[in-house]
Amino acid sequence: MTGSGQPGFNSYAAGVKRYGPNASSAATSGPVDPSGYIDREARNRLKKQVYLKWIQDNTKGAYGSANAMRRG
C-alpha cells in the first residue's frame, strides 16, 4: 500500500514495524537521557581527531608515522 501516504511493507527493514493509524513516527517514546548524546559526541570527536591526523600525515608524505598507519 505504497501510494496512500503509508510506507509499504519491507521484510528487510530494520527495527520495529509500525503500521496503521496508531503508529508513532517517533523512534523513541518518552524522555531521552542526554548523557548518551554526550558519550556519542565524545567518541565522534575522538574519531575525527584520529582521521584528521591521518590526513595530515598522509598529505605530508609521512606514511611510516603511527598516525598514518592508524586508520581503519
Protein backbone atom coordinates (compact mmCIF):
# COMPACT_ATOMS: atom_id res chain seq x y z
CA MET A 1 0.00 0.00 0.00
CA THR A 2 2.60 2.50 -1.07
CA GLY A 3 0.55 5.17 -2.82
CA SER A 4 -1.59 6.21 0.16
CA GLY A 5 0.98 8.06 2.26
CA GLN A 6 1.78 4.97 4.33
CA PRO A 7 5.05 3.09 3.84
CA GLY A 8 4.76 -0.31 2.25
CA PHE A 9 5.86 -3.49 3.98
CA ASN A 10 9.57 -4.17 3.68
CA SER A 11 10.63 -7.52 5.09
CA TYR A 12 14.29 -6.41 5.06
CA ALA A 13 13.74 -3.22 7.06
CA ALA A 14 15.46 -2.94 10.43
CA GLY A 15 13.70 -2.03 13.63
CA VAL A 16 10.19 -2.22 14.93
CA LYS A 17 7.46 -2.42 12.32
CA ARG A 18 4.97 0.43 12.77
CA TYR A 19 1.88 0.23 10.58
CA GLY A 20 -1.64 1.58 10.87
CA PRO A 21 -3.20 4.75 12.25
CA ASN A 22 -1.81 4.22 15.78
CA ALA A 23 1.80 4.01 14.60
CA SER A 24 4.03 6.69 16.02
CA SER A 25 6.74 8.09 13.79
CA ALA A 26 8.97 8.75 16.80
CA ALA A 27 11.92 6.42 17.22
CA THR A 28 11.64 6.64 20.98
CA SER A 29 8.75 7.06 23.32
CA GLY A 30 9.33 9.05 26.45
CA PRO A 31 12.19 11.23 27.63
CA VAL A 32 15.68 10.72 26.25
CA ASP A 33 18.74 10.77 28.52
CA PRO A 34 21.16 13.46 27.22
CA SER A 35 24.20 11.64 28.68
CA GLY A 36 24.01 9.24 25.73
CA TYR A 37 24.50 12.16 23.37
CA ILE A 38 27.50 13.38 25.38
CA ASP A 39 29.16 9.96 25.14
CA ARG A 40 28.42 9.71 21.43
CA GLU A 41 29.79 13.18 20.73
CA ALA A 42 32.99 12.41 22.68
CA ARG A 43 33.53 9.24 20.61
CA ASN A 44 32.83 11.12 17.38
CA ARG A 45 35.25 13.90 18.37
CA LEU A 46 37.98 11.31 19.00
CA LYS A 47 37.34 9.61 15.66
CA LYS A 48 37.51 12.98 13.92
CA GLN A 49 40.85 13.84 15.57
CA VAL A 50 42.32 10.48 14.55
CA TYR A 51 41.08 10.93 11.00
CA LEU A 52 42.44 14.48 10.75
CA LYS A 53 45.88 13.36 11.99
CA TRP A 54 45.78 10.55 9.43
CA ILE A 55 45.00 13.07 6.66
CA GLN A 56 47.73 15.46 7.82
CA ASP A 57 50.46 12.81 7.92
CA ASN A 58 49.47 11.32 4.58
CA THR A 59 49.37 14.70 2.85
CA LYS A 60 52.83 15.48 4.28
CA GLY A 61 54.15 12.17 2.97
CA ALA A 62 54.83 10.75 6.44
CA TYR A 63 53.49 7.32 5.50
CA GLY A 64 55.50 5.50 8.16
CA SER A 65 54.19 7.50 11.11
CA ALA A 66 51.90 5.97 13.71
CA ASN A 67 49.09 8.32 12.73
CA ALA A 68 49.31 7.39 9.04
CA MET A 69 49.13 3.68 9.85
CA ARG A 70 46.34 4.02 12.43
CA ARG A 71 43.44 4.48 10.01
CA GLY A 72 40.96 1.66 9.99
